[in-house]
């Protein structure tokens, strides 16, 4: 959870931990249309790639932070 909070402070995508299943979720919240309206296809095409990139970046940052934690707690050889 501490790693998720760290990543969430730097990235637009947000990470959340599910204690029940030991799973980390990544998401991006987008407002694409007014309530009850369908979003414009051109707008969707323009933002979906960027949203996926933001999710991938957050996942990479999570992995980097996890590796730092693992290496700092590993026993000395």
Protein backbone atom coordinates (compact mmCIF):
# COMPACT_ATOMS: atom_id res chain seq x y z
CA UNK A 1 0.00 0.00 0.00
CA UNK A 2 2.90 2.35 0.76
CA UNK A 3 4.28 1.83 -2.76
CA UNK A 4 0.86 2.53 -4.29
CA UNK A 5 0.61 5.78 -2.33
CA UNK A 6 4.05 6.81 -3.51
CA UNK A 7 3.21 6.10 -7.16
CA UNK A 8 -0.20 7.77 -6.84
CA UNK A 9 1.50 10.99 -5.78
CA UNK A 10 3.54 11.10 -9.00
CA UNK A 11 1.35 9.58 -11.70
CA UNK A 12 -2.06 10.41 -13.16
CA UNK A 13 -3.09 6.74 -13.10
CA UNK A 14 -4.04 5.52 -9.65
CA UNK A 15 -3.09 2.23 -8.03
CA UNK A 16 -5.21 0.48 -5.42
CA UNK A 17 -4.60 -2.66 -3.38
CA UNK A 18 -7.23 -5.33 -2.83
CA UNK A 19 -6.46 -6.92 0.55
CA UNK A 20 -8.88 -9.75 -0.18
CA UNK A 21 -7.02 -11.02 -3.24
CA UNK A 22 -3.55 -9.44 -2.84
CA UNK A 23 -4.01 -7.68 -6.17
CA UNK A 24 -2.93 -4.20 -7.28
CA UNK A 25 -5.27 -2.45 -9.73
CA UNK A 26 -4.36 0.46 -11.97
CA UNK A 27 -6.97 2.88 -13.30
CA UNK A 28 -7.43 6.26 -14.92
CA UNK A 29 -10.56 8.31 -14.41
CA UNK A 30 -11.80 10.18 -17.46
CA UNK A 31 -14.80 12.44 -17.99
CA UNK A 32 -15.65 11.94 -21.66
CA UNK A 33 -19.26 13.09 -21.92
CA UNK A 34 -22.06 14.68 -19.95
CA UNK A 35 -24.25 12.29 -17.93
CA UNK A 36 -26.62 10.39 -20.20
CA UNK A 37 -24.66 11.27 -23.36
CA UNK A 38 -22.45 9.07 -25.50
CA UNK A 39 -18.82 10.23 -25.78
CA UNK A 40 -17.58 11.47 -29.11
CA UNK A 41 -15.65 8.76 -30.99
CA UNK A 42 -12.87 11.17 -31.97
CA UNK A 43 -12.41 12.16 -28.32
CA UNK A 44 -12.23 8.52 -27.27
CA UNK A 45 -9.62 7.79 -29.92
CA UNK A 46 -7.63 10.83 -28.83
CA UNK A 47 -7.50 9.96 -25.12
CA UNK A 48 -7.52 6.15 -24.86
CA UNK A 49 -3.90 5.72 -25.97
CA UNK A 50 -2.72 8.33 -23.48
CA UNK A 51 -4.74 6.72 -20.70
CA UNK A 52 -3.22 3.31 -21.43
CA UNK A 53 0.26 4.86 -21.44
CA UNK A 54 -0.42 6.43 -18.03
CA UNK A 55 -1.52 3.06 -16.66
CA UNK A 56 1.60 1.38 -18.05
CA UNK A 57 3.79 4.08 -16.51
CA UNK A 58 2.18 3.63 -13.10
CA UNK A 59 2.69 -0.13 -13.33
CA UNK A 60 6.36 0.36 -14.25
CA UNK A 61 6.81 2.77 -11.32
CA UNK A 62 5.19 0.23 -8.98
CA UNK A 63 7.63 -2.43 -10.21
CA UNK A 64 10.60 -0.09 -9.75
CA UNK A 65 9.55 0.80 -6.20
CA UNK A 66 8.95 -2.86 -5.38
CA UNK A 67 12.44 -3.77 -6.60
CA UNK A 68 13.93 -1.03 -4.38
CA UNK A 69 12.03 -2.41 -1.40
CA UNK A 70 13.09 -5.99 -2.19
CA UNK A 71 16.76 -5.04 -2.54
CA UNK A 72 16.75 -2.99 0.67
CA UNK A 73 15.28 -5.87 2.70
CA UNK A 74 17.33 -8.66 1.12
CA UNK A 75 19.85 -10.31 3.48
CA UNK A 76 23.49 -9.35 2.87
CA UNK A 77 25.57 -12.01 1.13
